Amino acid sequence: MGSFSIWHWLIVLLIVVMVFGTKKLKNMGSDLGGAVKGFKDGMKDGGTKPDEAAAPVTGQVAAPAASAASEKTTIDVEAKTKS
């Protein structure tokens, strides 16, 4: 009773295909594969040496410290209600 036979799994697979459809299952599979690949690439990039990580990437422009400070300001506004 603890393990399922192959027929149980085939019935479950048939129900899943009927509920989601083959196109939706294919899209979910490719999205899952892309997420796993991205995670693996991120883990590889996380193990780089500090001097390699600090090197600027070609094509990117570093923002000056003054403009970064001005971007962090917030604007306090008051919502008006319609009458």
PDB file of N, CA and C in Angstrom:
ATOM      1  N   MET A   1       0.818  -1.191   0.000  1.00  0.00           N
ATOM      2  CA  MET A   1       0.000   0.000   0.000  1.00  0.00           C
ATOM      3  C   MET A   1       0.867   1.262   0.000  1.00  0.00           C
ATOM      4  N   GLY A   2       2.134   1.159   0.381  1.00  0.00           N
ATOM      5  CA  GLY A   2       3.008   2.315   0.444  1.00  0.00           C
ATOM      6  C   GLY A   2       3.527   2.747  -0.913  1.00  0.00           C
ATOM      7  N   SER A   3       3.659   1.841  -1.863  1.00  0.00           N
ATOM      8  CA  SER A   3       4.175   2.215  -3.174  1.00  0.00           C
ATOM      9  C   SER A   3       3.069   2.094  -4.217  1.00  0.00           C
ATOM     10  N   PHE A   4       3.160   2.933  -5.232  1.00  0.00           N
ATOM     11  CA  PHE A   4       2.166   2.914  -6.295  1.00  0.00           C
ATOM     12  C   PHE A   4       2.701   2.119  -7.480  1.00  0.00           C
ATOM     13  N   SER A   5       1.805   1.463  -8.180  1.00  0.00           N
ATOM     14  CA  SER A   5       2.204   0.723  -9.370  1.00  0.00           C
ATOM     15  C   SER A   5       2.310   1.678 -10.553  1.00  0.00           C
ATOM     16  N   ILE A   6       2.789   1.171 -11.662  1.00  0.00           N
ATOM     17  CA  ILE A   6       2.939   1.981 -12.863  1.00  0.00           C
ATOM     18  C   ILE A   6       1.587   2.481 -13.359  1.00  0.00           C
ATOM     19  N   TRP A   7       0.534   1.727 -13.145  1.00  0.00           N
ATOM     20  CA  TRP A   7      -0.792   2.133 -13.597  1.00  0.00           C
ATOM     21  C   TRP A   7      -1.285   3.355 -12.829  1.00  0.00           C
ATOM     22  N   HIS A   8      -0.969   3.428 -11.543  1.00  0.00           N
ATOM     23  CA  HIS A   8      -1.355   4.604 -10.768  1.00  0.00           C
ATOM     24  C   HIS A   8      -0.677   5.864 -11.330  1.00  0.00           C
ATOM     25  N   TRP A   9       0.616   5.743 -11.627  1.00  0.00           N
ATOM     26  CA  TRP A   9       1.365   6.894 -12.144  1.00  0.00           C
ATOM     27  C   TRP A   9       0.882   7.284 -13.537  1.00  0.00           C
ATOM     28  N   LEU A  10       0.522   6.314 -14.377  1.00  0.00           N
ATOM     29  CA  LEU A  10       0.003   6.630 -15.705  1.00  0.00           C
ATOM     30  C   LEU A  10      -1.336   7.367 -15.622  1.00  0.00           C
ATOM     31  N   ILE A  11      -2.174   6.967 -14.684  1.00  0.00           N
ATOM     32  CA  ILE A  11      -3.467   7.637 -14.509  1.00  0.00           C
ATOM     33  C   ILE A  11      -3.251   9.070 -14.012  1.00  0.00           C
ATOM     34  N   VAL A  12      -2.331   9.252 -13.081  1.00  0.00           N
ATOM     35  CA  VAL A  12      -2.023  10.597 -12.578  1.00  0.00           C
ATOM     36  C   VAL A  12      -1.476  11.463 -13.708  1.00  0.00           C
ATOM     37  N   LEU A  13      -0.580  10.918 -14.522  1.00  0.00           N
ATOM     38  CA  LEU A  13      -0.025  11.658 -15.647  1.00  0.00           C
ATOM     39  C   LEU A  13      -1.117  12.037 -16.643  1.00  0.00           C
ATOM     40  N   LEU A  14      -2.021  11.135 -16.936  1.00  0.00           N
ATOM     41  CA  LEU A  14      -3.124  11.412 -17.848  1.00  0.00           C
ATOM     42  C   LEU A  14      -4.016  12.533 -17.316  1.00  0.00           C
ATOM     43  N   ILE A  15      -4.296  12.530 -16.032  1.00  0.00           N
ATOM     44  CA  ILE A  15      -5.135  13.572 -15.439  1.00  0.00           C
ATOM     45  C   ILE A  15      -4.420  14.923 -15.492  1.00  0.00           C
ATOM     46  N   VAL A  16      -3.118  14.934 -15.215  1.00  0.00           N
ATOM     47  CA  VAL A  16      -2.356  16.181 -15.258  1.00  0.00           C
ATOM     48  C   VAL A  16      -2.339  16.740 -16.669  1.00  0.00           C
ATOM     49  N   VAL A  17      -2.148  15.886 -17.671  1.00  0.00           N
ATOM     50  CA  VAL A  17      -2.145  16.338 -19.069  1.00  0.00           C
ATOM     51  C   VAL A  17      -3.524  16.863 -19.451  1.00  0.00           C
ATOM     52  N   MET A  18      -4.574  16.223 -18.978  1.00  0.00           N
ATOM     53  CA  MET A  18      -5.921  16.678 -19.303  1.00  0.00           C
ATOM     54  C   MET A  18      -6.224  18.028 -18.646  1.00  0.00           C
ATOM     55  N   VAL A  19      -5.726  18.234 -17.440  1.00  0.00           N
ATOM     56  CA  VAL A  19      -6.012  19.483 -16.736  1.00  0.00           C
ATOM     57  C   VAL A  19      -5.213  20.645 -17.323  1.00  0.00           C
ATOM     58  N   PHE A  20      -3.910  20.462 -17.503  1.00  0.00           N
ATOM     59  CA  PHE A  20      -3.053  21.560 -17.934  1.00  0.00           C
ATOM     60  C   PHE A  20      -2.873  21.635 -19.443  1.00  0.00           C
ATOM     61  N   GLY A  21      -2.917  20.547 -20.139  1.00  0.00           N
ATOM     62  CA  GLY A  21      -2.671  20.535 -21.572  1.00  0.00           C
ATOM     63  C   GLY A  21      -1.184  20.416 -21.862  1.00  0.00           C
ATOM     64  N   THR A  22      -0.844  19.890 -23.029  1.00  0.00           N
ATOM     65  CA  THR A  22       0.559  19.637 -23.348  1.00  0.00           C
ATOM     66  C   THR A  22       1.342  20.928 -23.568  1.00  0.00           C
ATOM     67  N   LYS A  23       0.707  21.952 -24.137  1.00  0.00           N
ATOM     68  CA  LYS A  23       1.419  23.206 -24.393  1.00  0.00           C
ATOM     69  C   LYS A  23       1.813  23.877 -23.075  1.00  0.00           C
ATOM     70  N   LYS A  24       0.895  23.895 -22.118  1.00  0.00           N
ATOM     71  CA  LYS A  24       1.177  24.510 -20.819  1.00  0.00           C
ATOM     72  C   LYS A  24       2.270  23.733 -20.087  1.00  0.00           C
ATOM     73  N   LEU A  25       2.239  22.410 -20.159  1.00  0.00           N
ATOM     74  CA  LEU A  25       3.266  21.600 -19.506  1.00  0.00           C
ATOM     75  C   LEU A  25       4.631  21.824 -20.156  1.00  0.00           C
ATOM     76  N   LYS A  26       4.654  21.982 -21.496  1.00  0.00           N
ATOM     77  CA  LYS A  26       5.910  22.236 -22.189  1.00  0.00           C
ATOM     78  C   LYS A  26       6.484  23.590 -21.764  1.00  0.00           C
ATOM     79  N   ASN A  27       5.635  24.601 -21.662  1.00  0.00           N
ATOM     80  CA  ASN A  27       6.083  25.928 -21.238  1.00  0.00           C
ATOM     81  C   ASN A  27       6.598  25.894 -19.803  1.00  0.00           C
ATOM     82  N   MET A  28       5.908  25.179 -18.924  1.00  0.00           N
ATOM     83  CA  MET A  28       6.359  25.089 -17.536  1.00  0.00           C
ATOM     84  C   MET A  28       7.695  24.365 -17.453  1.00  0.00           C
ATOM     85  N   GLY A  29       7.884  23.336 -18.277  1.00  0.00           N
ATOM     86  CA  GLY A  29       9.149  22.608 -18.280  1.00  0.00           C
ATOM     87  C   GLY A  29      10.303  23.458 -18.762  1.00  0.00           C
ATOM     88  N   SER A  30      10.075  24.248 -19.812  1.00  0.00           N
ATOM     89  CA  SER A  30      11.151  25.102 -20.316  1.00  0.00           C
ATOM     90  C   SER A  30      11.445  26.232 -19.337  1.00  0.00           C
ATOM     91  N   ASP A  31      10.416  26.764 -18.669  1.00  0.00           N
ATOM     92  CA  ASP A  31      10.638  27.805 -17.664  1.00  0.00           C
ATOM     93  C   ASP A  31      11.429  27.258 -16.474  1.00  0.00           C
ATOM     94  N   LEU A  32      11.114  26.048 -16.061  1.00  0.00           N
ATOM     95  CA  LEU A  32      11.830  25.424 -14.957  1.00  0.00           C
ATOM     96  C   LEU A  32      13.283  25.167 -15.338  1.00  0.00           C
ATOM     97  N   GLY A  33      13.509  24.690 -16.559  1.00  0.00           N
ATOM     98  CA  GLY A  33      14.873  24.462 -17.028  1.00  0.00           C
ATOM     99  C   GLY A  33      15.673  25.751 -17.098  1.00  0.00           C
ATOM    100  N   GLY A  34      15.053  26.828 -17.561  1.00  0.00           N
ATOM    101  CA  GLY A  34      15.723  28.120 -17.611  1.00  0.00           C
ATOM    102  C   GLY A  34      16.058  28.647 -16.222  1.00  0.00           C
ATOM    103  N   ALA A  35      15.151  28.414 -15.273  1.00  0.00           N
ATOM    104  CA  ALA A  35      15.409  28.862 -13.906  1.00  0.00           C
ATOM    105  C   ALA A  35      16.570  28.094 -13.284  1.00  0.00           C
ATOM    106  N   VAL A  36      16.631  26.783 -13.530  1.00  0.00           N
ATOM    107  CA  VAL A  36      17.731  25.977 -12.997  1.00  0.00           C
ATOM    108  C   VAL A  36      19.052  26.403 -13.628  1.00  0.00           C
ATOM    109  N   LYS A  37      19.048  26.667 -14.934  1.00  0.00           N
ATOM    110  CA  LYS A  37      20.264  27.106 -15.623  1.00  0.00           C
ATOM    111  C   LYS A  37      20.721  28.455 -15.088  1.00  0.00           C
ATOM    112  N   GLY A  38      19.786  29.368 -14.886  1.00  0.00           N
ATOM    113  CA  GLY A  38      20.122  30.673 -14.327  1.00  0.00           C
ATOM    114  C   GLY A  38      20.676  30.564 -12.916  1.00  0.00           C
ATOM    115  N   PHE A  39      20.114  29.657 -12.125  1.00  0.00           N
ATOM    116  CA  PHE A  39      20.605  29.444 -10.762  1.00  0.00           C
ATOM    117  C   PHE A  39      22.031  28.906 -10.782  1.00  0.00           C
ATOM    118  N   LYS A  40      22.301  27.947 -11.671  1.00  0.00           N
ATOM    119  CA  LYS A  40      23.651  27.394 -11.769  1.00  0.00           C
ATOM    120  C   LYS A  40      24.644  28.450 -12.216  1.00  0.00           C
ATOM    121  N   ASP A  41      24.265  29.285 -13.193  1.00  0.00           N
ATOM    122  CA  ASP A  41      25.146  30.363 -13.645  1.00  0.00           C
ATOM    123  C   ASP A  41      25.400  31.363 -12.522  1.00  0.00           C
ATOM    124  N   GLY A  42      24.380  31.650 -11.731  1.00  0.00           N
ATOM    125  CA  GLY A  42      24.538  32.556 -10.602  1.00  0.00           C
ATOM    126  C   GLY A  42      25.461  31.993  -9.542  1.00  0.00           C
ATOM    127  N   MET A  43      25.388  30.687  -9.324  1.00  0.00           N
ATOM    128  CA  MET A  43      26.277  30.058  -8.343  1.00  0.00           C
ATOM    129  C   MET A  43      27.719  30.096  -8.827  1.00  0.00           C
ATOM    130  N   LYS A  44      27.928  29.937 -10.134  1.00  0.00           N
ATOM    131  CA  LYS A  44      29.287  30.010 -10.685  1.00  0.00           C
ATOM    132  C   LYS A  44      29.826  31.424 -10.558  1.00  0.00           C
ATOM    133  N   ASP A  45      29.006  32.434 -10.840  1.00  0.00           N
ATOM    134  CA  ASP A  45      29.430  33.825 -10.756  1.00  0.00           C
ATOM    135  C   ASP A  45      29.702  34.247  -9.319  1.00  0.00           C
ATOM    136  N   GLY A  46      29.022  33.645  -8.373  1.00  0.00           N
ATOM    137  CA  GLY A  46      29.216  33.981  -6.962  1.00  0.00           C
ATOM    138  C   GLY A  46      30.557  33.532  -6.435  1.00  0.00           C
ATOM    139  N   GLY A  47      31.222  32.605  -7.100  1.00  0.00           N
ATOM    140  CA  GLY A  47      32.502  32.095  -6.633  1.00  0.00           C
ATOM    141  C   GLY A  47      33.695  32.789  -7.251  1.00  0.00           C
ATOM    142  N   THR A  48      33.504  33.925  -7.934  1.00  0.00           N
ATOM    143  CA  THR A  48      34.619  34.618  -8.565  1.00  0.00           C
ATOM    144  C   THR A  48      35.455  35.326  -7.519  1.00  0.00           C
ATOM    145  N   LYS A  49      36.691  35.648  -7.884  1.00  0.00           N
ATOM    146  CA  LYS A  49      37.600  36.364  -6.993  1.00  0.00           C
ATOM    147  C   LYS A  49      37.125  37.802  -6.825  1.00  0.00           C
ATOM    148  N   PRO A  50      37.429  38.435  -5.691  1.00  0.00           N
ATOM    149  CA  PRO A  50      36.960  39.809  -5.469  1.00  0.00           C
ATOM    150  C   PRO A  50      37.479  40.801  -6.500  1.00  0.00           C
ATOM    151  N   ASP A  51      38.763  40.674  -6.972  1.00  0.00           N
ATOM    152  CA  ASP A  51      39.254  41.638  -7.944  1.00  0.00           C
ATOM    153  C   ASP A  51      38.583  41.454  -9.301  1.00  0.00           C
ATOM    154  N   GLU A  52      38.136  40.239  -9.615  1.00  0.00           N
ATOM    155  CA  GLU A  52      37.420  40.030 -10.870  1.00  0.00           C
ATOM    156  C   GLU A  52      36.017  40.623 -10.780  1.00  0.00           C
ATOM    157  N   ALA A  53      35.406  40.508  -9.619  1.00  0.00           N
ATOM    158  CA  ALA A  53      34.052  41.020  -9.457  1.00  0.00           C
ATOM    159  C   ALA A  53      34.043  42.543  -9.430  1.00  0.00           C
ATOM    160  N   ALA A  54      35.128  43.168  -8.970  1.00  0.00           N
ATOM    161  CA  ALA A  54      35.171  44.619  -8.865  1.00  0.00           C
ATOM    162  C   ALA A  54      35.497  45.287 -10.195  1.00  0.00           C
ATOM    163  N   ALA A  55      35.981  44.538 -11.169  1.00  0.00           N
ATOM    164  CA  ALA A  55      36.339  45.120 -12.460  1.00  0.00           C
ATOM    165  C   ALA A  55      35.078  45.591 -13.177  1.00  0.00           C
ATOM    166  N   PRO A  56      35.082  46.815 -13.731  1.00  0.00           N
ATOM    167  CA  PRO A  56      33.884  47.312 -14.414  1.00  0.00           C
ATOM    168  C   PRO A  56      33.654  46.554 -15.716  1.00  0.00           C
ATOM    169  N   VAL A  57      32.394  46.366 -16.020  1.00  0.00           N
ATOM    170  CA  VAL A  57      31.999  45.679 -17.238  1.00  0.00           C
ATOM    171  C   VAL A  57      31.957  46.699 -18.369  1.00  0.00           C
ATOM    172  N   THR A  58      32.452  46.322 -19.531  1.00  0.00           N
ATOM    173  CA  THR A  58      32.487  47.226 -20.672  1.00  0.00           C
ATOM    174  C   THR A  58      31.068  47.599 -21.074  1.00  0.00           C
ATOM    175  N   GLY A  59      30.836  48.890 -21.275  1.00  0.00           N
ATOM    176  CA  GLY A  59      29.525  49.345 -21.714  1.00  0.00           C
ATOM    177  C   GLY A  59      28.671  49.874 -20.583  1.00  0.00           C
ATOM    178  N   GLN A  60      29.071  49.679 -19.327  1.00  0.00           N
ATOM    179  CA  GLN A  60      28.297  50.188 -18.217  1.00  0.00           C
ATOM    180  C   GLN A  60      28.931  51.473 -17.713  1.00  0.00           C
ATOM    181  N   VAL A  61      28.095  52.401 -17.311  1.00  0.00           N
ATOM    182  CA  VAL A  61      28.568  53.683 -16.805  1.00  0.00           C
ATOM    183  C   VAL A  61      28.246  53.735 -15.319  1.00  0.00           C
ATOM    184  N   ALA A  62      29.245  54.056 -14.505  1.00  0.00           N
ATOM    185  CA  ALA A  62      29.034  54.163 -13.067  1.00  0.00           C
ATOM    186  C   ALA A  62      28.400  55.510 -12.758  1.00  0.00           C
ATOM    187  N   ALA A  63      27.408  55.508 -11.865  1.00  0.00           N
ATOM    188  CA  ALA A  63      26.737  56.739 -11.486  1.00  0.00           C
ATOM    189  C   ALA A  63      27.563  57.473 -10.445  1.00  0.00           C
ATOM    190  N   PRO A  64      27.651  58.801 -10.535  1.00  0.00           N
ATOM    191  CA  PRO A  64      28.368  59.564  -9.517  1.00  0.00           C
ATOM    192  C   PRO A  64      27.659  59.468  -8.176  1.00  0.00           C
ATOM    193  N   ALA A  65      28.409  59.653  -7.103  1.00  0.00           N
ATOM    194  CA  ALA A  65      27.853  59.517  -5.758  1.00  0.00           C
ATOM    195  C   ALA A  65      26.781  60.568  -5.486  1.00  0.00           C
ATOM    196  N   ALA A  66      26.918  61.767  -6.033  1.00  0.00           N
ATOM    197  CA  ALA A  66      25.944  62.827  -5.781  1.00  0.00           C
ATOM    198  C   ALA A  66      24.587  62.483  -6.391  1.00  0.00           C
ATOM    199  N   SER A  67      24.578  61.941  -7.599  1.00  0.00           N
ATOM    200  CA  SER A  67      23.290  61.617  -8.215  1.00  0.00           C
ATOM    201  C   SER A  67      22.654  60.408  -7.544  1.00  0.00           C
ATOM    202  N   ALA A  68      23.471  59.495  -7.012  1.00  0.00           N
ATOM    203  CA  ALA A  68      22.918  58.339  -6.305  1.00  0.00           C
ATOM    204  C   ALA A  68      22.224  58.785  -5.033  1.00  0.00           C
ATOM    205  N   ALA A  69      22.769  59.815  -4.352  1.00  0.00           N
ATOM    206  CA  ALA A  69      22.153  60.309  -3.131  1.00  0.00           C
ATOM    207  C   ALA A  69      20.844  61.020  -3.444  1.00  0.00           C
ATOM    208  N   SER A  70      20.773  61.733  -4.576  1.00  0.00           N
ATOM    209  CA  SER A  70      19.551  62.449  -4.910  1.00  0.00           C
ATOM    210  C   SER A  70      18.446  61.492  -5.337  1.00  0.00           C
ATOM    211  N   GLU A  71      18.787  60.328  -5.856  1.00  0.00           N
ATOM    212  CA  GLU A  71      17.779  59.356  -6.263  1.00  0.00           C
ATOM    213  C   GLU A  71      17.107  58.703  -5.068  1.00  0.00           C
ATOM    214  N   LYS A  72      17.739  58.741  -3.912  1.00  0.00           N
ATOM    215  CA  LYS A  72      17.196  58.078  -2.727  1.00  0.00           C
ATOM    216  C   LYS A  72      16.195  58.947  -1.988  1.00  0.00           C
ATOM    217  N   THR A  73      15.982  60.173  -2.408  1.00  0.00           N
ATOM    218  CA  THR A  73      15.025  61.037  -1.725  1.00  0.00           C
ATOM    219  C   THR A  73      13.611  60.620  -2.087  1.00  0.00           C
ATOM    220  N   THR A  74      12.703  60.849  -1.172  1.00  0.00           N
ATOM    221  CA  THR A  74      11.302  60.528  -1.412  1.00  0.00           C
ATOM    222  C   THR A  74      10.490  61.809  -1.399  1.00  0.00           C
ATOM    223  N   ILE A  75       9.376  61.778  -2.077  1.00  0.00           N
ATOM    224  CA  ILE A  75       8.487  62.931  -2.142  1.00  0.00           C
ATOM    225  C   ILE A  75       7.235  62.575  -1.369  1.00  0.00           C
ATOM    226  N   ASP A  76       6.904  63.413  -0.406  1.00  0.00           N
ATOM    227  CA  ASP A  76       5.729  63.180   0.419  1.00  0.00           C
ATOM    228  C   ASP A  76       4.558  63.955  -0.182  1.00  0.00           C
ATOM    229  N   VAL A  77       3.524  63.242  -0.595  1.00  0.00           N
ATOM    230  CA  VAL A  77       2.355  63.890  -1.181  1.00  0.00           C
ATOM    231  C   VAL A  77       1.123  63.458  -0.418  1.00  0.00           C
ATOM    232  N   GLU A  78       0.079  64.225  -0.593  1.00  0.00           N
ATOM    233  CA  GLU A  78      -1.175  63.938   0.085  1.00  0.00           C
ATOM    234  C   GLU A  78      -2.241  63.664  -0.966  1.00  0.00           C
ATOM    235  N   ALA A  79      -2.956  62.560  -0.823  1.00  0.00           N
ATOM    236  CA  ALA A  79      -3.989  62.204  -1.789  1.00  0.00           C
ATOM    237  C   ALA A  79      -5.256  63.014  -1.521  1.00  0.00           C
ATOM    238  N   LYS A  80      -5.872  63.473  -2.588  1.00  0.00           N
ATOM    239  CA  LYS A  80      -7.121  64.224  -2.460  1.00  0.00           C
ATOM    240  C   LYS A  80      -8.271  63.301  -2.818  1.00  0.00           C
ATOM    241  N   THR A  81      -9.376  63.452  -2.126  1.00  0.00           N
ATOM    242  CA  THR A  81     -10.538  62.624  -2.409  1.00  0.00           C
ATOM    243  C   THR A  81     -11.484  63.406  -3.319  1.00  0.00           C
ATOM    244  N   LYS A  82     -12.174  62.686  -4.197  1.00  0.00           N
ATOM    245  CA  LYS A  82     -13.141  63.321  -5.087  1.00  0.00           C
ATOM    246  C   LYS A  82     -14.410  63.619  -4.301  1.00  0.00           C
ATOM    247  N   SER A  83     -14.999  64.765  -4.583  1.00  0.00           N
ATOM    248  CA  SER A  83     -16.231  65.116  -3.870  1.00  0.00           C
ATOM    249  C   SER A  83     -17.430  64.968  -4.760  1.00  0.00           C
TER     250      SER A  83
END
